[in-house]
Amino acid sequence: MRAKNSTAGRIARIGQAYQRIVMYLQLGVGILLLVVAYHTGFERSALLMAGQSTAGQIVRYVAVAPVRSSEAPWFKAVVQFRVADQLIEFTDWNSREYAGGVPSSVDILYDPQQPQHAMVQRGNLLDWMPWAPMGALGAFLLLVGIATYLRRSIAVENDEGMAL
């Protein structure tokens, strides 16, 4: 009988250790994803929420060398637009969709206080990539990790209260 209790206790300890590891992984990965989402999307999210729209023109492309030789080249578009009587030029972060040719006009979102902070508005999910899904997943993992931590803390308090 004693061997059975010993085995059950060992299994319970392994399960608790596993839960603790999963909780810390959820918290760590959630925080990491939120930090990456913040750094990659802070400027673009501000433009999407409060930026002003205007028309711009792609004037040239800057080729970005691929990481591996088997990958296709990446292009960043250099875009110009006018604000009042000032000509603003910026490099868009993702221009693969325009790599086949220069369109006559593109929609631009820009910050009126700092017009050089601008982006090409695609009007689809690409405006929100890659930072928004990372931020949503990071927030979810962080909330699940916090809920697990709180649930474990309450369970430990209850176990200690029952032991007294």
N, C-alpha and C. Protein backbone atom coordinates (compact mmCIF):
# COMPACT_ATOMS: atom_id res chain seq x y z
N MET A 1 0.82 -1.19 0.00
CA MET A 1 0.00 0.00 0.00
C MET A 1 0.87 1.26 0.00
N ARG A 2 1.97 1.18 0.75
CA ARG A 2 2.84 2.33 0.85
C ARG A 2 3.50 2.66 -0.50
N ALA A 3 3.82 1.67 -1.31
CA ALA A 3 4.43 1.89 -2.63
C ALA A 3 3.46 2.63 -3.54
N LYS A 4 2.18 2.34 -3.41
CA LYS A 4 1.18 3.00 -4.23
C LYS A 4 1.11 4.49 -3.88
N ASN A 5 1.12 4.83 -2.59
CA ASN A 5 1.08 6.23 -2.16
C ASN A 5 2.34 6.96 -2.58
N SER A 6 3.47 6.29 -2.52
CA SER A 6 4.74 6.89 -2.92
C SER A 6 4.73 7.20 -4.41
N THR A 7 4.23 6.29 -5.22
CA THR A 7 4.14 6.50 -6.66
C THR A 7 3.17 7.63 -6.98
N ALA A 8 2.04 7.67 -6.31
CA ALA A 8 1.04 8.72 -6.53
C ALA A 8 1.62 10.08 -6.14
N GLY A 9 2.37 10.14 -5.05
CA GLY A 9 2.99 11.39 -4.62
C GLY A 9 4.03 11.87 -5.63
N ARG A 10 4.81 10.92 -6.16
CA ARG A 10 5.81 11.26 -7.16
C ARG A 10 5.16 11.80 -8.44
N ILE A 11 4.09 11.16 -8.86
CA ILE A 11 3.37 11.60 -10.06
C ILE A 11 2.79 13.00 -9.83
N ALA A 12 2.26 13.24 -8.64
CA ALA A 12 1.70 14.56 -8.32
C ALA A 12 2.79 15.62 -8.35
N ARG A 13 3.97 15.31 -7.80
CA ARG A 13 5.07 16.28 -7.82
C ARG A 13 5.54 16.57 -9.24
N ILE A 14 5.61 15.54 -10.08
CA ILE A 14 6.01 15.72 -11.48
C ILE A 14 4.98 16.59 -12.20
N GLY A 15 3.70 16.34 -11.93
CA GLY A 15 2.64 17.15 -12.54
C GLY A 15 2.71 18.59 -12.12
N GLN A 16 3.01 18.84 -10.84
CA GLN A 16 3.13 20.22 -10.35
C GLN A 16 4.34 20.91 -10.99
N ALA A 17 5.44 20.17 -11.12
CA ALA A 17 6.63 20.74 -11.75
C ALA A 17 6.34 21.07 -13.22
N TYR A 18 5.64 20.17 -13.89
CA TYR A 18 5.27 20.40 -15.29
C TYR A 18 4.39 21.64 -15.42
N GLN A 19 3.40 21.79 -14.54
CA GLN A 19 2.52 22.96 -14.56
C GLN A 19 3.31 24.25 -14.32
N ARG A 20 4.26 24.20 -13.41
CA ARG A 20 5.08 25.37 -13.11
C ARG A 20 5.93 25.75 -14.32
N ILE A 21 6.53 24.77 -14.99
CA ILE A 21 7.34 25.03 -16.18
C ILE A 21 6.48 25.63 -17.28
N VAL A 22 5.30 25.07 -17.51
CA VAL A 22 4.39 25.58 -18.55
C VAL A 22 3.97 27.01 -18.21
N MET A 23 3.69 27.28 -16.95
CA MET A 23 3.29 28.63 -16.53
C MET A 23 4.41 29.64 -16.82
N TYR A 24 5.64 29.30 -16.46
CA TYR A 24 6.76 30.21 -16.72
C TYR A 24 7.01 30.39 -18.22
N LEU A 25 6.83 29.33 -18.99
CA LEU A 25 6.97 29.44 -20.44
C LEU A 25 5.90 30.37 -21.02
N GLN A 26 4.66 30.22 -20.54
CA GLN A 26 3.58 31.09 -21.01
C GLN A 26 3.89 32.55 -20.68
N LEU A 27 4.32 32.81 -19.47
CA LEU A 27 4.64 34.18 -19.07
C LEU A 27 5.81 34.73 -19.89
N GLY A 28 6.87 33.94 -20.03
CA GLY A 28 8.06 34.39 -20.76
C GLY A 28 7.80 34.62 -22.23
N VAL A 29 7.16 33.67 -22.88
CA VAL A 29 6.89 33.81 -24.31
C VAL A 29 5.88 34.93 -24.55
N GLY A 30 4.89 35.06 -23.65
CA GLY A 30 3.92 36.15 -23.78
C GLY A 30 4.59 37.51 -23.70
N ILE A 31 5.47 37.69 -22.74
CA ILE A 31 6.20 38.97 -22.60
C ILE A 31 7.10 39.20 -23.80
N LEU A 32 7.81 38.17 -24.26
CA LEU A 32 8.69 38.30 -25.42
C LEU A 32 7.90 38.71 -26.66
N LEU A 33 6.76 38.07 -26.91
CA LEU A 33 5.96 38.42 -28.08
C LEU A 33 5.41 39.84 -27.99
N LEU A 34 5.01 40.26 -26.78
CA LEU A 34 4.52 41.63 -26.62
C LEU A 34 5.62 42.65 -26.87
N VAL A 35 6.83 42.36 -26.43
CA VAL A 35 7.96 43.28 -26.66
C VAL A 35 8.28 43.37 -28.15
N VAL A 36 8.31 42.22 -28.83
CA VAL A 36 8.59 42.22 -30.27
C VAL A 36 7.48 42.95 -31.03
N ALA A 37 6.22 42.69 -30.66
CA ALA A 37 5.10 43.37 -31.31
C ALA A 37 5.17 44.87 -31.10
N TYR A 38 5.54 45.29 -29.91
CA TYR A 38 5.67 46.72 -29.63
C TYR A 38 6.75 47.35 -30.50
N HIS A 39 7.91 46.71 -30.57
CA HIS A 39 9.02 47.30 -31.33
C HIS A 39 8.76 47.28 -32.84
N THR A 40 8.04 46.29 -33.34
CA THR A 40 7.80 46.23 -34.78
C THR A 40 6.55 46.98 -35.20
N GLY A 41 5.64 47.26 -34.28
CA GLY A 41 4.38 47.84 -34.70
C GLY A 41 3.98 49.13 -34.05
N PHE A 42 4.79 49.67 -33.15
CA PHE A 42 4.38 50.88 -32.44
C PHE A 42 4.10 52.03 -33.40
N GLU A 43 5.02 52.30 -34.29
CA GLU A 43 4.86 53.42 -35.22
C GLU A 43 3.72 53.16 -36.20
N ARG A 44 3.63 51.94 -36.72
CA ARG A 44 2.57 51.63 -37.69
C ARG A 44 1.20 51.64 -37.05
N SER A 45 1.09 51.15 -35.81
CA SER A 45 -0.23 51.17 -35.15
C SER A 45 -0.68 52.59 -34.90
N ALA A 46 0.23 53.48 -34.53
CA ALA A 46 -0.13 54.88 -34.33
C ALA A 46 -0.60 55.50 -35.64
N LEU A 47 0.06 55.17 -36.74
CA LEU A 47 -0.36 55.69 -38.04
C LEU A 47 -1.72 55.15 -38.44
N LEU A 48 -1.97 53.86 -38.19
CA LEU A 48 -3.26 53.27 -38.53
C LEU A 48 -4.40 53.86 -37.71
N MET A 49 -4.11 54.22 -36.47
CA MET A 49 -5.15 54.76 -35.60
C MET A 49 -5.39 56.26 -35.82
N ALA A 50 -4.33 57.03 -36.02
CA ALA A 50 -4.49 58.49 -36.05
C ALA A 50 -3.77 59.17 -37.20
N GLY A 51 -3.27 58.42 -38.16
CA GLY A 51 -2.53 59.03 -39.26
C GLY A 51 -3.44 59.68 -40.27
N GLN A 52 -2.90 60.65 -41.00
CA GLN A 52 -3.64 61.30 -42.07
C GLN A 52 -3.31 60.62 -43.38
N SER A 53 -4.28 60.60 -44.26
CA SER A 53 -4.12 59.91 -45.54
C SER A 53 -3.84 60.92 -46.65
N THR A 54 -2.99 60.51 -47.57
CA THR A 54 -2.70 61.31 -48.76
C THR A 54 -2.22 60.37 -49.85
N ALA A 55 -1.97 60.91 -51.01
CA ALA A 55 -1.44 60.12 -52.12
C ALA A 55 0.05 60.34 -52.23
N GLY A 56 0.75 59.28 -52.62
CA GLY A 56 2.19 59.35 -52.81
C GLY A 56 2.59 58.63 -54.07
N GLN A 57 3.86 58.69 -54.40
CA GLN A 57 4.39 58.06 -55.61
C GLN A 57 5.64 57.28 -55.25
N ILE A 58 5.71 56.02 -55.69
CA ILE A 58 6.94 55.24 -55.55
C ILE A 58 7.90 55.72 -56.62
N VAL A 59 9.09 56.16 -56.19
CA VAL A 59 10.05 56.73 -57.14
C VAL A 59 11.17 55.76 -57.49
N ARG A 60 11.48 54.82 -56.60
CA ARG A 60 12.50 53.81 -56.90
C ARG A 60 12.41 52.70 -55.85
N TYR A 61 13.18 51.65 -56.10
CA TYR A 61 13.24 50.51 -55.19
C TYR A 61 14.66 50.34 -54.69
N VAL A 62 14.76 49.88 -53.46
CA VAL A 62 16.05 49.54 -52.89
C VAL A 62 15.99 48.03 -52.64
N ALA A 63 16.91 47.30 -53.27
CA ALA A 63 16.93 45.84 -53.10
C ALA A 63 17.55 45.49 -51.76
N VAL A 64 16.94 44.52 -51.08
CA VAL A 64 17.46 44.02 -49.82
C VAL A 64 17.95 42.60 -50.08
N ALA A 65 19.19 42.34 -49.75
CA ALA A 65 19.78 41.02 -49.99
C ALA A 65 19.06 39.96 -49.16
N PRO A 66 18.70 38.83 -49.76
CA PRO A 66 18.04 37.77 -49.00
C PRO A 66 19.00 37.13 -48.01
N VAL A 67 18.43 36.55 -46.97
CA VAL A 67 19.23 35.89 -45.95
C VAL A 67 19.90 34.64 -46.54
N ARG A 68 19.12 33.86 -47.29
CA ARG A 68 19.65 32.66 -47.95
C ARG A 68 19.62 32.87 -49.46
N SER A 69 20.55 32.28 -50.15
CA SER A 69 20.63 32.48 -51.59
C SER A 69 19.43 31.87 -52.31
N SER A 70 18.72 30.94 -51.69
CA SER A 70 17.57 30.31 -52.33
C SER A 70 16.30 31.17 -52.25
N GLU A 71 16.33 32.22 -51.44
CA GLU A 71 15.15 33.08 -51.29
C GLU A 71 15.09 34.14 -52.39
N ALA A 72 13.87 34.60 -52.65
CA ALA A 72 13.68 35.67 -53.63
C ALA A 72 14.15 36.99 -53.04
N PRO A 73 14.58 37.91 -53.88
CA PRO A 73 15.02 39.21 -53.35
C PRO A 73 13.84 39.98 -52.74
N TRP A 74 14.16 40.84 -51.84
CA TRP A 74 13.18 41.66 -51.16
C TRP A 74 13.39 43.10 -51.60
N PHE A 75 12.33 43.83 -51.78
CA PHE A 75 12.44 45.20 -52.23
C PHE A 75 11.76 46.14 -51.24
N LYS A 76 12.39 47.27 -51.01
CA LYS A 76 11.79 48.34 -50.22
C LYS A 76 11.56 49.50 -51.18
N ALA A 77 10.35 50.02 -51.14
CA ALA A 77 10.02 51.13 -52.03
C ALA A 77 10.39 52.46 -51.38
N VAL A 78 10.96 53.34 -52.17
CA VAL A 78 11.20 54.71 -51.74
C VAL A 78 10.02 55.52 -52.27
N VAL A 79 9.30 56.15 -51.35
CA VAL A 79 8.04 56.82 -51.69
C VAL A 79 8.17 58.31 -51.41
N GLN A 80 7.60 59.12 -52.29
CA GLN A 80 7.56 60.56 -52.10
C GLN A 80 6.10 61.02 -52.01
N PHE A 81 5.88 62.03 -51.17
CA PHE A 81 4.57 62.68 -51.11
C PHE A 81 4.75 64.10 -50.64
N ARG A 82 3.75 64.92 -50.88
CA ARG A 82 3.80 66.33 -50.52
C ARG A 82 2.90 66.61 -49.33
N VAL A 83 3.45 67.42 -48.40
CA VAL A 83 2.68 67.96 -47.29
C VAL A 83 2.91 69.46 -47.34
N ALA A 84 1.83 70.18 -47.57
CA ALA A 84 1.91 71.63 -47.80
C ALA A 84 2.85 71.86 -48.97
N ASP A 85 3.97 72.56 -48.79
CA ASP A 85 4.93 72.77 -49.89
C ASP A 85 6.23 72.02 -49.65
N GLN A 86 6.17 71.01 -48.80
CA GLN A 86 7.35 70.22 -48.45
C GLN A 86 7.26 68.85 -49.11
N LEU A 87 8.34 68.41 -49.76
CA LEU A 87 8.41 67.09 -50.38
C LEU A 87 9.05 66.12 -49.37
N ILE A 88 8.31 65.10 -49.01
CA ILE A 88 8.77 64.11 -48.02
C ILE A 88 9.09 62.82 -48.75
N GLU A 89 10.20 62.19 -48.37
CA GLU A 89 10.60 60.90 -48.95
C GLU A 89 10.86 59.93 -47.81
N PHE A 90 10.33 58.71 -47.93
CA PHE A 90 10.56 57.68 -46.92
C PHE A 90 10.68 56.33 -47.60
N THR A 91 11.25 55.38 -46.88
CA THR A 91 11.38 54.02 -47.38
C THR A 91 10.35 53.15 -46.67
N ASP A 92 9.49 52.52 -47.45
CA ASP A 92 8.46 51.65 -46.88
C ASP A 92 9.08 50.34 -46.45
N TRP A 93 8.55 49.76 -45.40
CA TRP A 93 9.15 48.56 -44.80
C TRP A 93 8.91 47.30 -45.63
N ASN A 94 7.84 47.22 -46.41
CA ASN A 94 7.51 46.00 -47.13
C ASN A 94 6.92 46.37 -48.48
N SER A 95 7.64 46.08 -49.54
CA SER A 95 7.15 46.46 -50.86
C SER A 95 7.17 45.31 -51.85
N ARG A 96 7.14 44.10 -51.39
CA ARG A 96 7.17 42.95 -52.28
C ARG A 96 6.01 42.99 -53.27
N GLU A 97 4.85 43.45 -52.84
CA GLU A 97 3.70 43.43 -53.73
C GLU A 97 3.85 44.38 -54.91
N TYR A 98 4.72 45.37 -54.80
CA TYR A 98 4.93 46.32 -55.88
C TYR A 98 6.19 46.01 -56.69
N ALA A 99 6.82 44.88 -56.45
CA ALA A 99 8.11 44.59 -57.07
C ALA A 99 8.02 44.45 -58.59
N GLY A 100 6.83 44.20 -59.13
CA GLY A 100 6.70 44.02 -60.56
C GLY A 100 6.72 45.32 -61.35
N GLY A 101 6.46 46.43 -60.72
CA GLY A 101 6.44 47.69 -61.43
C GLY A 101 6.05 48.82 -60.50
N VAL A 102 6.19 50.01 -60.97
CA VAL A 102 5.89 51.17 -60.15
C VAL A 102 4.45 51.60 -60.42
N PRO A 103 3.59 51.58 -59.41
CA PRO A 103 2.23 52.05 -59.64
C PRO A 103 2.20 53.57 -59.75
N SER A 104 1.17 54.09 -60.38
CA SER A 104 1.10 55.53 -60.58
C SER A 104 0.93 56.26 -59.26
N SER A 105 0.23 55.65 -58.32
CA SER A 105 -0.01 56.33 -57.06
C SER A 105 -0.26 55.28 -55.97
N VAL A 106 0.15 55.58 -54.76
CA VAL A 106 -0.13 54.71 -53.61
C VAL A 106 -0.72 55.57 -52.50
N ASP A 107 -1.55 54.96 -51.67
CA ASP A 107 -2.11 55.66 -50.53
C ASP A 107 -1.08 55.66 -49.40
N ILE A 108 -0.94 56.79 -48.73
CA ILE A 108 0.04 56.99 -47.67
C ILE A 108 -0.69 57.36 -46.39
N LEU A 109 -0.23 56.83 -45.28
CA LEU A 109 -0.63 57.30 -43.95
C LEU A 109 0.60 57.96 -43.35
N TYR A 110 0.43 59.16 -42.80
CA TYR A 110 1.57 59.85 -42.22
C TYR A 110 1.15 60.59 -40.96
N ASP A 111 2.13 60.92 -40.14
CA ASP A 111 1.92 61.68 -38.92
C ASP A 111 2.10 63.17 -39.27
N PRO A 112 1.07 64.00 -39.07
CA PRO A 112 1.19 65.42 -39.45
C PRO A 112 2.30 66.16 -38.70
N GLN A 113 2.58 65.77 -37.45
CA GLN A 113 3.65 66.44 -36.69
C GLN A 113 5.04 66.00 -37.18
N GLN A 114 5.15 64.76 -37.63
CA GLN A 114 6.42 64.23 -38.14
C GLN A 114 6.13 63.50 -39.46
N PRO A 115 6.03 64.22 -40.57
CA PRO A 115 5.62 63.60 -41.83
C PRO A 115 6.56 62.50 -42.33
N GLN A 116 7.82 62.50 -41.88
CA GLN A 116 8.73 61.44 -42.32
C GLN A 116 8.34 60.08 -41.71
N HIS A 117 7.49 60.09 -40.68
CA HIS A 117 6.93 58.85 -40.15
C HIS A 117 5.70 58.52 -40.97
N ALA A 118 5.88 57.66 -41.96
CA ALA A 118 4.81 57.36 -42.89
C ALA A 118 4.89 55.90 -43.31
N MET A 119 3.80 55.42 -43.91
CA MET A 119 3.76 54.06 -44.44
C MET A 119 2.80 54.02 -45.61
N VAL A 120 3.01 53.05 -46.49
CA VAL A 120 2.08 52.81 -47.57
C VAL A 120 0.88 52.10 -46.97
N GLN A 121 -0.31 52.64 -47.23
CA GLN A 121 -1.53 52.01 -46.71
C GLN A 121 -2.02 51.01 -47.75
N ARG A 122 -2.04 49.75 -47.36
CA ARG A 122 -2.45 48.70 -48.26
C ARG A 122 -3.95 48.41 -48.16
N GLY A 123 -4.55 48.79 -47.03
CA GLY A 123 -5.99 48.60 -46.86
C GLY A 123 -6.39 47.15 -46.67
N ASN A 124 -5.47 46.32 -46.23
CA ASN A 124 -5.80 44.92 -45.98
C ASN A 124 -5.02 44.44 -44.76
N LEU A 125 -4.93 43.16 -44.59
CA LEU A 125 -4.25 42.60 -43.41
C LEU A 125 -2.77 42.92 -43.36
N LEU A 126 -2.15 43.22 -44.49
CA LEU A 126 -0.71 43.53 -44.48
C LEU A 126 -0.40 44.76 -43.64
N ASP A 127 -1.38 45.66 -43.48
CA ASP A 127 -1.15 46.83 -42.62
C ASP A 127 -0.91 46.40 -41.17
N TRP A 128 -1.47 45.27 -40.78
CA TRP A 128 -1.41 44.81 -39.38
C TRP A 128 -0.36 43.72 -39.15
N MET A 129 0.36 43.33 -40.21
CA MET A 129 1.34 42.25 -40.08
C MET A 129 2.71 42.83 -39.83
N PRO A 130 3.58 42.15 -39.16
CA PRO A 130 3.43 40.94 -38.36
C PRO A 130 3.12 41.23 -36.90
N TRP A 131 3.04 42.50 -36.55
CA TRP A 131 3.01 42.88 -35.14
C TRP A 131 1.67 42.60 -34.45
N ALA A 132 0.55 42.77 -35.10
CA ALA A 132 -0.75 42.61 -34.42
C ALA A 132 -1.01 41.16 -34.00
N PRO A 133 -0.80 40.16 -34.88
CA PRO A 133 -0.99 38.78 -34.41
C PRO A 133 -0.03 38.40 -33.29
N MET A 134 1.23 38.88 -33.38
CA MET A 134 2.19 38.61 -32.30
C MET A 134 1.73 39.23 -30.99
N GLY A 135 1.23 40.44 -31.05
CA GLY A 135 0.75 41.12 -29.86
C GLY A 135 -0.46 40.42 -29.26
N ALA A 136 -1.38 39.98 -30.11
CA ALA A 136 -2.58 39.28 -29.62
C ALA A 136 -2.19 37.95 -28.98
N LEU A 137 -1.30 37.20 -29.62
CA LEU A 137 -0.86 35.93 -29.05
C LEU A 137 -0.08 36.15 -27.76
N GLY A 138 0.77 37.16 -27.74
CA GLY A 138 1.52 37.48 -26.53
C GLY A 138 0.61 37.86 -25.38
N ALA A 139 -0.41 38.68 -25.65
CA ALA A 139 -1.36 39.07 -24.60
C ALA A 139 -2.13 37.85 -24.09
N PHE A 140 -2.53 36.97 -25.01
CA PHE A 140 -3.24 35.76 -24.61
C PHE A 140 -2.37 34.88 -23.71
N LEU A 141 -1.13 34.64 -24.13
CA LEU A 141 -0.24 33.79 -23.33
C LEU A 141 0.07 34.42 -21.97
N LEU A 142 0.25 35.73 -21.94
CA LEU A 142 0.51 36.41 -20.68
C LEU A 142 -0.70 36.29 -19.75
N LEU A 143 -1.90 36.48 -20.27
CA LEU A 143 -3.11 36.36 -19.43
C LEU A 143 -3.30 34.93 -18.92
N VAL A 144 -3.06 33.94 -19.78
CA VAL A 144 -3.18 32.55 -19.35
C VAL A 144 -2.13 32.23 -18.29
N GLY A 145 -0.91 32.73 -18.47
CA GLY A 145 0.15 32.51 -17.48
C GLY A 145 -0.19 33.16 -16.15
N ILE A 146 -0.72 34.38 -16.18
CA ILE A 146 -1.11 35.05 -14.93
C ILE A 146 -2.26 34.31 -14.26
N ALA A 147 -3.24 33.87 -15.04
CA ALA A 147 -4.37 33.12 -14.47
C ALA A 147 -3.88 31.82 -13.84
N THR A 148 -2.95 31.14 -14.48
CA THR A 148 -2.39 29.91 -13.93
C THR A 148 -1.64 30.20 -12.64
N TYR A 149 -0.87 31.27 -12.62
CA TYR A 149 -0.13 31.66 -11.42
C TYR A 149 -1.10 31.94 -10.27
N LEU A 150 -2.14 32.70 -10.54
CA LEU A 150 -3.12 33.02 -9.49
C LEU A 150 -3.84 31.77 -9.00
N ARG A 151 -4.21 30.90 -9.92
CA ARG A 151 -4.89 29.65 -9.55
C ARG A 151 -3.97 28.78 -8.68
N ARG A 152 -2.70 28.71 -9.06
CA ARG A 152 -1.74 27.92 -8.26
C ARG A 152 -1.54 28.55 -6.88
N SER A 153 -1.47 29.89 -6.80
CA SER A 153 -1.29 30.56 -5.51
C SER A 153 -2.46 30.30 -4.59
N ILE A 154 -3.67 30.37 -5.13
CA ILE A 154 -4.87 30.11 -4.33
C ILE A 154 -4.88 28.66 -3.87
N ALA A 155 -4.49 27.74 -4.73
CA ALA A 155 -4.46 26.32 -4.37
C ALA A 155 -3.43 26.07 -3.26
N VAL A 156 -2.28 26.72 -3.33
CA VAL A 156 -1.24 26.55 -2.31
C VAL A 156 -1.73 27.11 -0.97
N GLU A 157 -2.39 28.30 -1.01
CA GLU A 157 -2.93 28.87 0.22
C GLU A 157 -3.97 27.96 0.85
N ASN A 158 -4.83 27.38 0.02
CA ASN A 158 -5.85 26.47 0.53
C ASN A 158 -5.22 25.22 1.13
N ASP A 159 -4.19 24.69 0.49
CA ASP A 159 -3.51 23.50 1.01
C ASP A 159 -2.83 23.81 2.33
N GLU A 160 -2.21 24.99 2.46
CA GLU A 160 -1.57 25.36 3.70
C GLU A 160 -2.58 25.59 4.81
N GLY A 161 -3.73 26.19 4.46
CA GLY A 161 -4.79 26.42 5.44
C GLY A 161 -5.37 25.12 5.95
N MET A 162 -5.48 24.13 5.10
CA MET A 162 -6.03 22.83 5.50
C MET A 162 -5.00 22.07 6.36
N ALA A 163 -3.71 22.31 6.10
CA ALA A 163 -2.67 21.59 6.85
C ALA A 163 -2.60 22.10 8.28
N LEU A 164 -2.98 23.36 8.54
CA LEU A 164 -2.94 23.91 9.89
C LEU A 164 -4.07 23.35 10.65
